[in-house]
Amino acid sequence: MVSAAFAVLMLTGFLFAALNGTMAEVNQALFESMEQSIELAISLAGILLFWTGVMKTAESAGLVKSVANAVQPLLGRLFPDIPDKHPVFGYIASNMAANFFGLGNAATPIGLKAMRELKKLNGNQDEASRSMITFLALNTAAITLIPTSVLAISMKHGASNPTDIVVPALFATVMSSVFAIMIDRFYAGRRSR
């Protein structure tokens, strides 16, 4: 459905450009955006590979298991379906820590690894488990102390004090996480009836 809507939008845009005589501008914008897309994909691939390697090294060194054991009491309440001392707790905690420090590019591969482990616990079913839904809600509404992307954009555009966003962003992300947990618990309770 989304593909069909996207195709209709593209065709409508090209038709409108042809009728208005602005096809040259559309072609120029198309090629510029392709170049930017390729640059973005290559830079993201490098970051993704780096953090995947870091997680593999941490896993081999036993750090993921140690983190999993340390956060088990807290995360065990949020994820009651996950068996005690399961390594996925380490991935979930690492993902939350990366989001907390504004390292979204680091959080992505860690979150993907956590979701793969949660899917294995779910018997590789296509339907999301309660733990997968909870993790997705927490990851989406992650508490962020340092919004690095916003700070970088603010500094790039010459903001006089780019760190003014830190306290409001922390408050907003704490509130979003609280509401995400509340809504998740509400719907988890309804599903279990």
N, C-alpha and C. Protein backbone atom coordinates (compact mmCIF):
# COMPACT_ATOMS: atom_id res chain seq x y z
N MET A 1 0.82 -1.20 0.00
CA MET A 1 0.00 0.00 0.00
C MET A 1 0.87 1.26 0.00
N VAL A 2 1.90 1.26 0.84
CA VAL A 2 2.79 2.41 0.90
C VAL A 2 3.54 2.58 -0.42
N SER A 3 3.93 1.47 -1.01
CA SER A 3 4.64 1.53 -2.31
C SER A 3 3.75 2.15 -3.37
N ALA A 4 2.48 1.78 -3.37
CA ALA A 4 1.55 2.33 -4.36
C ALA A 4 1.36 3.83 -4.14
N ALA A 5 1.23 4.24 -2.89
CA ALA A 5 1.06 5.66 -2.58
C ALA A 5 2.31 6.44 -2.99
N PHE A 6 3.49 5.87 -2.73
CA PHE A 6 4.74 6.53 -3.09
C PHE A 6 4.85 6.65 -4.60
N ALA A 7 4.46 5.61 -5.32
CA ALA A 7 4.51 5.64 -6.79
C ALA A 7 3.57 6.71 -7.34
N VAL A 8 2.38 6.82 -6.78
CA VAL A 8 1.41 7.83 -7.22
C VAL A 8 1.97 9.23 -6.96
N LEU A 9 2.58 9.44 -5.79
CA LEU A 9 3.15 10.76 -5.47
C LEU A 9 4.29 11.11 -6.44
N MET A 10 5.15 10.15 -6.75
CA MET A 10 6.25 10.42 -7.68
C MET A 10 5.73 10.74 -9.07
N LEU A 11 4.80 9.93 -9.55
CA LEU A 11 4.25 10.17 -10.90
C LEU A 11 3.54 11.52 -10.97
N THR A 12 2.79 11.86 -9.93
CA THR A 12 2.10 13.15 -9.88
C THR A 12 3.11 14.29 -9.90
N GLY A 13 4.19 14.13 -9.15
CA GLY A 13 5.23 15.16 -9.12
C GLY A 13 5.89 15.35 -10.47
N PHE A 14 6.22 14.24 -11.14
CA PHE A 14 6.83 14.33 -12.47
C PHE A 14 5.86 14.95 -13.48
N LEU A 15 4.61 14.56 -13.41
CA LEU A 15 3.59 15.11 -14.32
C LEU A 15 3.44 16.61 -14.10
N PHE A 16 3.37 17.04 -12.84
CA PHE A 16 3.24 18.44 -12.50
C PHE A 16 4.45 19.23 -12.99
N ALA A 17 5.67 18.65 -12.81
CA ALA A 17 6.89 19.32 -13.27
C ALA A 17 6.90 19.45 -14.79
N ALA A 18 6.45 18.41 -15.49
CA ALA A 18 6.41 18.46 -16.96
C ALA A 18 5.44 19.51 -17.45
N LEU A 19 4.28 19.62 -16.79
CA LEU A 19 3.27 20.60 -17.19
C LEU A 19 3.72 22.03 -16.89
N ASN A 20 4.50 22.22 -15.82
CA ASN A 20 4.96 23.57 -15.45
C ASN A 20 6.29 23.94 -16.08
N GLY A 21 6.91 23.00 -16.78
CA GLY A 21 8.19 23.30 -17.42
C GLY A 21 9.35 23.35 -16.44
N THR A 22 9.24 22.66 -15.32
CA THR A 22 10.31 22.67 -14.31
C THR A 22 11.01 21.31 -14.21
N MET A 23 10.99 20.57 -15.30
CA MET A 23 11.59 19.23 -15.27
C MET A 23 13.10 19.30 -15.04
N ALA A 24 13.78 20.32 -15.53
CA ALA A 24 15.22 20.47 -15.33
C ALA A 24 15.55 20.61 -13.85
N GLU A 25 14.76 21.40 -13.13
CA GLU A 25 14.97 21.57 -11.69
C GLU A 25 14.71 20.26 -10.93
N VAL A 26 13.69 19.53 -11.39
CA VAL A 26 13.39 18.24 -10.76
C VAL A 26 14.55 17.27 -10.97
N ASN A 27 15.09 17.22 -12.19
CA ASN A 27 16.22 16.34 -12.47
C ASN A 27 17.44 16.72 -11.64
N GLN A 28 17.70 18.02 -11.52
CA GLN A 28 18.84 18.47 -10.73
C GLN A 28 18.65 18.08 -9.26
N ALA A 29 17.48 18.30 -8.72
CA ALA A 29 17.20 17.93 -7.33
C ALA A 29 17.29 16.42 -7.13
N LEU A 30 16.84 15.67 -8.13
CA LEU A 30 16.89 14.21 -8.07
C LEU A 30 18.32 13.72 -7.97
N PHE A 31 19.20 14.25 -8.82
CA PHE A 31 20.60 13.81 -8.81
C PHE A 31 21.32 14.27 -7.55
N GLU A 32 21.03 15.48 -7.07
CA GLU A 32 21.64 15.95 -5.82
C GLU A 32 21.22 15.08 -4.63
N SER A 33 19.93 14.74 -4.59
CA SER A 33 19.46 13.93 -3.47
C SER A 33 20.01 12.50 -3.55
N MET A 34 20.22 11.97 -4.77
CA MET A 34 20.83 10.64 -4.91
C MET A 34 22.25 10.66 -4.36
N GLU A 35 22.98 11.71 -4.68
CA GLU A 35 24.36 11.83 -4.21
C GLU A 35 24.39 11.91 -2.68
N GLN A 36 23.50 12.71 -2.10
CA GLN A 36 23.43 12.82 -0.64
C GLN A 36 23.01 11.49 -0.01
N SER A 37 22.11 10.76 -0.66
CA SER A 37 21.66 9.46 -0.14
C SER A 37 22.80 8.46 -0.11
N ILE A 38 23.61 8.45 -1.15
CA ILE A 38 24.74 7.52 -1.20
C ILE A 38 25.76 7.88 -0.13
N GLU A 39 26.06 9.17 0.03
CA GLU A 39 26.99 9.60 1.08
C GLU A 39 26.47 9.21 2.46
N LEU A 40 25.18 9.41 2.70
CA LEU A 40 24.57 9.07 3.98
C LEU A 40 24.64 7.56 4.22
N ALA A 41 24.31 6.78 3.19
CA ALA A 41 24.33 5.31 3.33
C ALA A 41 25.73 4.81 3.66
N ILE A 42 26.75 5.36 3.00
CA ILE A 42 28.12 4.93 3.26
C ILE A 42 28.55 5.33 4.66
N SER A 43 28.22 6.55 5.09
CA SER A 43 28.62 6.97 6.44
C SER A 43 27.89 6.16 7.51
N LEU A 44 26.60 5.87 7.29
CA LEU A 44 25.86 5.07 8.25
C LEU A 44 26.36 3.63 8.29
N ALA A 45 26.74 3.10 7.13
CA ALA A 45 27.26 1.74 7.09
C ALA A 45 28.54 1.64 7.92
N GLY A 46 29.40 2.62 7.81
CA GLY A 46 30.63 2.62 8.61
C GLY A 46 30.34 2.65 10.10
N ILE A 47 29.42 3.52 10.50
CA ILE A 47 29.06 3.62 11.91
C ILE A 47 28.42 2.33 12.40
N LEU A 48 27.53 1.78 11.59
CA LEU A 48 26.84 0.53 11.94
C LEU A 48 27.85 -0.60 12.10
N LEU A 49 28.79 -0.71 11.18
CA LEU A 49 29.80 -1.76 11.27
C LEU A 49 30.69 -1.57 12.50
N PHE A 50 31.06 -0.33 12.79
CA PHE A 50 31.90 -0.06 13.96
C PHE A 50 31.21 -0.52 15.24
N TRP A 51 29.96 -0.08 15.44
CA TRP A 51 29.27 -0.42 16.69
C TRP A 51 28.87 -1.88 16.76
N THR A 52 28.64 -2.51 15.62
CA THR A 52 28.39 -3.96 15.63
C THR A 52 29.65 -4.69 16.07
N GLY A 53 30.79 -4.23 15.60
CA GLY A 53 32.07 -4.81 16.03
C GLY A 53 32.32 -4.61 17.52
N VAL A 54 32.00 -3.42 18.02
CA VAL A 54 32.15 -3.14 19.45
C VAL A 54 31.28 -4.10 20.26
N MET A 55 30.04 -4.32 19.81
CA MET A 55 29.15 -5.22 20.54
C MET A 55 29.63 -6.66 20.46
N LYS A 56 30.16 -7.07 19.32
CA LYS A 56 30.70 -8.43 19.19
C LYS A 56 31.88 -8.62 20.14
N THR A 57 32.75 -7.61 20.23
CA THR A 57 33.89 -7.68 21.13
C THR A 57 33.42 -7.73 22.58
N ALA A 58 32.44 -6.90 22.92
CA ALA A 58 31.90 -6.89 24.29
C ALA A 58 31.25 -8.23 24.61
N GLU A 59 30.59 -8.81 23.63
CA GLU A 59 29.95 -10.11 23.83
C GLU A 59 31.00 -11.19 24.06
N SER A 60 32.06 -11.18 23.25
CA SER A 60 33.12 -12.18 23.39
C SER A 60 33.86 -12.03 24.71
N ALA A 61 34.00 -10.80 25.18
CA ALA A 61 34.70 -10.55 26.44
C ALA A 61 33.83 -10.83 27.67
N GLY A 62 32.56 -11.13 27.45
CA GLY A 62 31.67 -11.42 28.57
C GLY A 62 31.02 -10.20 29.19
N LEU A 63 31.25 -9.03 28.59
CA LEU A 63 30.69 -7.79 29.15
C LEU A 63 29.17 -7.76 29.04
N VAL A 64 28.63 -8.28 27.94
CA VAL A 64 27.18 -8.26 27.75
C VAL A 64 26.50 -9.10 28.83
N LYS A 65 27.09 -10.25 29.12
CA LYS A 65 26.52 -11.12 30.16
C LYS A 65 26.62 -10.45 31.54
N SER A 66 27.74 -9.77 31.81
CA SER A 66 27.90 -9.07 33.09
C SER A 66 26.87 -7.95 33.24
N VAL A 67 26.67 -7.18 32.16
CA VAL A 67 25.67 -6.11 32.19
C VAL A 67 24.28 -6.71 32.37
N ALA A 68 24.03 -7.83 31.69
CA ALA A 68 22.72 -8.49 31.81
C ALA A 68 22.44 -8.89 33.26
N ASN A 69 23.44 -9.44 33.94
CA ASN A 69 23.26 -9.84 35.33
C ASN A 69 23.07 -8.63 36.24
N ALA A 70 23.76 -7.52 35.93
CA ALA A 70 23.66 -6.33 36.77
C ALA A 70 22.29 -5.66 36.67
N VAL A 71 21.71 -5.64 35.48
CA VAL A 71 20.44 -4.94 35.28
C VAL A 71 19.22 -5.85 35.41
N GLN A 72 19.46 -7.13 35.62
CA GLN A 72 18.37 -8.10 35.72
C GLN A 72 17.28 -7.68 36.71
N PRO A 73 17.61 -7.23 37.93
CA PRO A 73 16.53 -6.89 38.86
C PRO A 73 15.61 -5.77 38.35
N LEU A 74 16.17 -4.76 37.71
CA LEU A 74 15.36 -3.64 37.22
C LEU A 74 14.61 -4.02 35.95
N LEU A 75 15.33 -4.53 34.96
CA LEU A 75 14.69 -4.84 33.68
C LEU A 75 13.79 -6.07 33.76
N GLY A 76 14.03 -6.93 34.73
CA GLY A 76 13.19 -8.11 34.89
C GLY A 76 11.73 -7.76 35.14
N ARG A 77 11.50 -6.62 35.77
CA ARG A 77 10.12 -6.16 36.02
C ARG A 77 9.46 -5.65 34.75
N LEU A 78 10.26 -5.01 33.90
CA LEU A 78 9.71 -4.49 32.64
C LEU A 78 9.51 -5.60 31.61
N PHE A 79 10.33 -6.64 31.72
CA PHE A 79 10.29 -7.75 30.76
C PHE A 79 10.12 -9.08 31.50
N PRO A 80 8.94 -9.32 32.04
CA PRO A 80 8.74 -10.54 32.84
C PRO A 80 8.78 -11.83 32.02
N ASP A 81 8.64 -11.74 30.70
CA ASP A 81 8.65 -12.94 29.86
C ASP A 81 10.06 -13.46 29.56
N ILE A 82 11.08 -12.65 29.83
CA ILE A 82 12.46 -13.05 29.54
C ILE A 82 13.01 -13.85 30.72
N PRO A 83 13.61 -15.01 30.43
CA PRO A 83 14.17 -15.83 31.53
C PRO A 83 15.27 -15.09 32.28
N ASP A 84 15.43 -15.41 33.56
CA ASP A 84 16.47 -14.79 34.40
C ASP A 84 17.85 -14.99 33.80
N LYS A 85 18.67 -13.96 33.91
CA LYS A 85 20.07 -13.96 33.48
C LYS A 85 20.26 -14.23 31.98
N HIS A 86 19.25 -13.94 31.19
CA HIS A 86 19.38 -14.12 29.73
C HIS A 86 20.23 -12.98 29.18
N PRO A 87 21.13 -13.24 28.21
CA PRO A 87 22.00 -12.20 27.66
C PRO A 87 21.26 -11.02 27.01
N VAL A 88 20.00 -11.21 26.62
CA VAL A 88 19.27 -10.13 25.97
C VAL A 88 19.14 -8.91 26.89
N PHE A 89 19.16 -9.13 28.21
CA PHE A 89 19.12 -8.00 29.14
C PHE A 89 20.32 -7.08 28.94
N GLY A 90 21.48 -7.66 28.61
CA GLY A 90 22.67 -6.85 28.35
C GLY A 90 22.51 -5.99 27.11
N TYR A 91 21.89 -6.55 26.06
CA TYR A 91 21.66 -5.79 24.84
C TYR A 91 20.64 -4.67 25.08
N ILE A 92 19.60 -5.00 25.82
CA ILE A 92 18.58 -3.98 26.12
C ILE A 92 19.20 -2.85 26.92
N ALA A 93 20.00 -3.19 27.95
CA ALA A 93 20.65 -2.16 28.78
C ALA A 93 21.63 -1.34 27.96
N SER A 94 22.38 -1.99 27.07
CA SER A 94 23.34 -1.27 26.22
C SER A 94 22.61 -0.32 25.28
N ASN A 95 21.49 -0.76 24.73
CA ASN A 95 20.69 0.08 23.85
C ASN A 95 20.17 1.30 24.62
N MET A 96 19.67 1.07 25.83
CA MET A 96 19.14 2.18 26.63
C MET A 96 20.26 3.16 26.99
N ALA A 97 21.45 2.64 27.30
CA ALA A 97 22.58 3.52 27.63
C ALA A 97 23.01 4.35 26.42
N ALA A 98 23.05 3.72 25.24
CA ALA A 98 23.42 4.45 24.03
C ALA A 98 22.41 5.55 23.74
N ASN A 99 21.12 5.26 23.89
CA ASN A 99 20.10 6.29 23.70
C ASN A 99 20.21 7.38 24.75
N PHE A 100 20.52 7.00 25.99
CA PHE A 100 20.63 7.97 27.08
C PHE A 100 21.71 9.01 26.79
N PHE A 101 22.82 8.56 26.21
CA PHE A 101 23.92 9.47 25.90
C PHE A 101 23.85 10.04 24.50
N GLY A 102 22.72 9.86 23.83
CA GLY A 102 22.51 10.46 22.51
C GLY A 102 23.26 9.80 21.39
N LEU A 103 23.65 8.54 21.58
CA LEU A 103 24.40 7.83 20.55
C LEU A 103 23.46 6.96 19.73
N GLY A 104 22.55 7.63 19.01
CA GLY A 104 21.54 6.92 18.23
C GLY A 104 22.14 5.95 17.23
N ASN A 105 23.27 6.32 16.62
CA ASN A 105 23.90 5.44 15.65
C ASN A 105 24.46 4.19 16.32
N ALA A 106 24.84 4.29 17.58
CA ALA A 106 25.30 3.11 18.32
C ALA A 106 24.12 2.29 18.80
N ALA A 107 23.03 2.96 19.13
CA ALA A 107 21.84 2.27 19.66
C ALA A 107 21.18 1.39 18.60
N THR A 108 21.29 1.77 17.34
CA THR A 108 20.60 1.03 16.28
C THR A 108 21.08 -0.42 16.15
N PRO A 109 22.39 -0.68 15.95
CA PRO A 109 22.80 -2.09 15.83
C PRO A 109 22.58 -2.88 17.12
N ILE A 110 22.74 -2.22 18.26
CA ILE A 110 22.50 -2.91 19.54
C ILE A 110 21.02 -3.26 19.67
N GLY A 111 20.17 -2.33 19.28
CA GLY A 111 18.72 -2.57 19.33
C GLY A 111 18.30 -3.68 18.38
N LEU A 112 18.93 -3.72 17.20
CA LEU A 112 18.63 -4.80 16.25
C LEU A 112 19.04 -6.16 16.82
N LYS A 113 20.19 -6.19 17.48
CA LYS A 113 20.65 -7.45 18.11
C LYS A 113 19.69 -7.86 19.22
N ALA A 114 19.25 -6.89 20.02
CA ALA A 114 18.30 -7.19 21.10
C ALA A 114 16.99 -7.73 20.51
N MET A 115 16.52 -7.13 19.44
CA MET A 115 15.26 -7.56 18.83
C MET A 115 15.41 -8.96 18.24
N ARG A 116 16.58 -9.28 17.65
CA ARG A 116 16.80 -10.64 17.13
C ARG A 116 16.75 -11.67 18.26
N GLU A 117 17.38 -11.32 19.39
CA GLU A 117 17.37 -12.24 20.54
C GLU A 117 15.95 -12.40 21.09
N LEU A 118 15.19 -11.30 21.14
CA LEU A 118 13.81 -11.39 21.60
C LEU A 118 12.96 -12.23 20.65
N LYS A 119 13.26 -12.14 19.35
CA LYS A 119 12.52 -12.95 18.38
C LYS A 119 12.84 -14.43 18.57
N LYS A 120 14.10 -14.74 18.87
CA LYS A 120 14.47 -16.13 19.16
C LYS A 120 13.70 -16.65 20.38
N LEU A 121 13.62 -15.81 21.42
CA LEU A 121 12.86 -16.20 22.62
C LEU A 121 11.38 -16.40 22.30
N ASN A 122 10.91 -15.74 21.26
CA ASN A 122 9.51 -15.84 20.84
C ASN A 122 9.29 -17.00 19.87
N GLY A 123 10.29 -17.85 19.70
CA GLY A 123 10.17 -18.98 18.79
C GLY A 123 10.22 -18.59 17.33
N ASN A 124 10.87 -17.46 17.03
CA ASN A 124 10.99 -16.95 15.65
C ASN A 124 9.64 -16.75 14.97
N GLN A 125 8.62 -16.47 15.76
CA GLN A 125 7.30 -16.20 15.19
C GLN A 125 7.28 -14.82 14.55
N ASP A 126 6.35 -14.63 13.61
CA ASP A 126 6.22 -13.33 12.96
C ASP A 126 5.46 -12.33 13.82
N GLU A 127 4.70 -12.81 14.77
CA GLU A 127 3.94 -11.92 15.66
C GLU A 127 4.83 -11.49 16.82
N ALA A 128 4.81 -10.20 17.12
CA ALA A 128 5.66 -9.65 18.18
C ALA A 128 5.21 -10.14 19.55
N SER A 129 6.18 -10.45 20.39
CA SER A 129 5.89 -10.86 21.77
C SER A 129 5.70 -9.63 22.64
N ARG A 130 5.25 -9.84 23.85
CA ARG A 130 5.06 -8.73 24.80
C ARG A 130 6.40 -8.02 25.03
N SER A 131 7.47 -8.79 25.18
CA SER A 131 8.79 -8.20 25.42
C SER A 131 9.27 -7.38 24.22
N MET A 132 8.99 -7.85 23.02
CA MET A 132 9.38 -7.11 21.82
C MET A 132 8.65 -5.78 21.74
N ILE A 133 7.38 -5.79 22.08
CA ILE A 133 6.58 -4.55 22.06
C ILE A 133 7.09 -3.59 23.12
N THR A 134 7.37 -4.10 24.32
CA THR A 134 7.88 -3.25 25.40
C THR A 134 9.22 -2.63 25.00
N PHE A 135 10.11 -3.45 24.43
CA PHE A 135 11.41 -2.94 24.01
C PHE A 135 11.27 -1.87 22.94
N LEU A 136 10.40 -2.10 21.98
CA LEU A 136 10.18 -1.11 20.93
C LEU A 136 9.65 0.20 21.51
N ALA A 137 8.72 0.11 22.46
CA ALA A 137 8.17 1.32 23.09
C ALA A 137 9.26 2.07 23.85
N LEU A 138 10.09 1.35 24.60
CA LEU A 138 11.17 2.00 25.36
C LEU A 138 12.24 2.58 24.45
N ASN A 139 12.54 1.88 23.37
CA ASN A 139 13.55 2.36 22.44
C ASN A 139 13.07 3.62 21.72
N THR A 140 11.80 3.64 21.35
CA THR A 140 11.25 4.79 20.64
C THR A 140 11.16 6.01 21.55
N ALA A 141 10.79 5.79 22.80
CA ALA A 141 10.62 6.90 23.75
C ALA A 141 11.78 6.95 24.73
N ALA A 142 12.98 6.72 24.24
CA ALA A 142 14.16 6.59 25.11
C ALA A 142 14.49 7.87 25.85
N ILE A 143 14.88 7.70 27.10
CA ILE A 143 15.35 8.84 27.90
C ILE A 143 16.70 9.27 27.33
N THR A 144 16.83 10.56 27.05
CA THR A 144 18.06 11.09 26.45
C THR A 144 18.58 12.24 27.28
N LEU A 145 19.80 12.07 27.81
CA LEU A 145 20.44 13.14 28.58
C LEU A 145 21.09 14.15 27.65
N ILE A 146 21.76 13.65 26.63
CA ILE A 146 22.49 14.53 25.71
C ILE A 146 21.95 14.34 24.30
N PRO A 147 21.08 15.23 23.82
CA PRO A 147 20.55 15.09 22.45
C PRO A 147 21.59 15.56 21.44
N THR A 148 22.53 14.65 21.13
CA THR A 148 23.68 15.04 20.30
C THR A 148 23.29 15.56 18.93
N SER A 149 22.28 14.98 18.31
CA SER A 149 21.87 15.43 16.97
C SER A 149 21.38 16.87 17.01
N VAL A 150 20.53 17.17 17.98
CA VAL A 150 19.99 18.53 18.10
C VAL A 150 21.11 19.51 18.44
N LEU A 151 22.03 19.11 19.32
CA LEU A 151 23.15 19.98 19.66
C LEU A 151 24.03 20.25 18.45
N ALA A 152 24.28 19.21 17.65
CA ALA A 152 25.12 19.38 16.46
C ALA A 152 24.45 20.32 15.45
N ILE A 153 23.15 20.16 15.25
CA ILE A 153 22.42 21.04 14.32
C ILE A 153 22.42 22.47 14.83
N SER A 154 22.20 22.63 16.14
CA SER A 154 22.20 23.98 16.74
C SER A 154 23.55 24.66 16.57
N MET A 155 24.63 23.92 16.82
CA MET A 155 25.97 24.51 16.68
C MET A 155 26.28 24.82 15.21
N LYS A 156 25.83 23.94 14.32
CA LYS A 156 26.08 24.15 12.89
C LYS A 156 25.41 25.43 12.41
N HIS A 157 24.25 25.75 12.96
CA HIS A 157 23.52 26.93 12.53
C HIS A 157 23.77 28.15 13.43
N GLY A 158 24.79 28.08 14.27
CA GLY A 158 25.24 29.23 15.03
C GLY A 158 24.38 29.62 16.22
N ALA A 159 23.77 28.65 16.89
CA ALA A 159 22.98 28.97 18.09
C ALA A 159 23.88 29.56 19.16
N SER A 160 23.40 30.58 19.84
CA SER A 160 24.22 31.24 20.85
C SER A 160 24.49 30.33 22.05
N ASN A 161 23.51 29.51 22.44
CA ASN A 161 23.71 28.58 23.54
C ASN A 161 22.99 27.27 23.21
N PRO A 162 23.63 26.40 22.45
CA PRO A 162 22.95 25.18 21.99
C PRO A 162 22.58 24.22 23.12
N THR A 163 23.22 24.35 24.28
CA THR A 163 22.93 23.42 25.38
C THR A 163 21.65 23.78 26.13
N ASP A 164 20.99 24.87 25.74
CA ASP A 164 19.72 25.22 26.38
C ASP A 164 18.66 24.12 26.20
N ILE A 165 18.84 23.27 25.22
CA ILE A 165 17.86 22.22 24.92
C ILE A 165 18.00 21.01 25.84
N VAL A 166 19.11 20.88 26.57
CA VAL A 166 19.39 19.66 27.34
C VAL A 166 18.32 19.39 28.40
N VAL A 167 18.02 20.36 29.26
CA VAL A 167 17.04 20.13 30.34
C VAL A 167 15.63 19.89 29.79
N PRO A 168 15.12 20.72 28.85
CA PRO A 168 13.80 20.41 28.31
C PRO A 168 13.75 19.06 27.59
N ALA A 169 14.82 18.70 26.90
CA ALA A 169 14.85 17.41 26.20
C ALA A 169 14.84 16.26 27.20
N LEU A 170 15.59 16.40 28.28
CA LEU A 170 15.60 15.36 29.31
C LEU A 170 14.21 15.21 29.92
N PHE A 171 13.57 16.32 30.25
CA PHE A 171 12.21 16.26 30.81
C PHE A 171 11.24 15.61 29.82
N ALA A 172 11.30 16.02 28.57
CA ALA A 172 10.39 15.47 27.56
C ALA A 172 10.61 13.98 27.35
N THR A 173 11.88 13.55 27.33
CA THR A 173 12.13 12.12 27.11
C THR A 173 11.80 11.28 28.33
N VAL A 174 11.97 11.83 29.53
CA VAL A 174 11.55 11.10 30.73
C VAL A 174 10.03 10.92 30.71
N MET A 175 9.32 11.99 30.39
CA MET A 175 7.85 11.90 30.33
C MET A 175 7.40 10.92 29.23
N SER A 176 8.06 10.96 28.07
CA SER A 176 7.67 10.05 27.00
C SER A 176 7.93 8.60 27.40
N SER A 177 9.01 8.34 28.11
CA SER A 177 9.29 6.98 28.58
C SER A 177 8.28 6.51 29.60
N VAL A 178 7.91 7.40 30.51
CA VAL A 178 6.90 7.06 31.52
C VAL A 178 5.58 6.72 30.84
N PHE A 179 5.17 7.55 29.91
CA PHE A 179 3.91 7.29 29.20
C PHE A 179 4.00 6.02 28.34
N ALA A 180 5.17 5.77 27.73
CA ALA A 180 5.34 4.56 26.93
C ALA A 180 5.17 3.31 27.80
N ILE A 181 5.75 3.34 29.00
CA ILE A 181 5.62 2.20 29.91
C ILE A 181 4.17 2.06 30.37
N MET A 182 3.53 3.18 30.70
CA MET A 182 2.13 3.12 31.15
C MET A 182 1.22 2.55 30.06
N ILE A 183 1.38 3.03 28.84
CA ILE A 183 0.55 2.55 27.74
C ILE A 183 0.85 1.09 27.44
N ASP A 184 2.14 0.72 27.48
CA ASP A 184 2.51 -0.67 27.25
C ASP A 184 1.88 -1.58 28.30
N ARG A 185 1.93 -1.18 29.56
CA ARG A 185 1.33 -1.99 30.64
C ARG A 185 -0.18 -2.07 30.49
N PHE A 186 -0.80 -0.98 30.08
CA PHE A 186 -2.25 -0.96 29.90
C PHE A 186 -2.66 -1.98 28.84
N TYR A 187 -1.99 -1.93 27.67
CA TYR A 187 -2.34 -2.84 26.58
C TYR A 187 -1.89 -4.28 26.87
N ALA A 188 -0.79 -4.44 27.61
CA ALA A 188 -0.37 -5.81 27.98
C ALA A 188 -1.42 -6.44 28.89
N GLY A 189 -1.98 -5.64 29.79
CA GLY A 189 -3.04 -6.13 30.66
C GLY A 189 -4.29 -6.50 29.88
N ARG A 190 -4.63 -5.72 28.88
CA ARG A 190 -5.81 -6.02 28.06
C ARG A 190 -5.61 -7.27 27.20
N ARG A 191 -4.36 -7.46 26.71
CA ARG A 191 -4.07 -8.64 25.89
C ARG A 191 -4.14 -9.92 26.70
N SER A 192 -3.76 -9.85 27.99
CA SER A 192 -3.72 -11.06 28.81
C SER A 192 -5.10 -11.50 29.30
N ARG A 193 -6.12 -10.68 29.12
CA ARG A 193 -7.47 -11.05 29.57
C ARG A 193 -8.11 -12.06 28.68
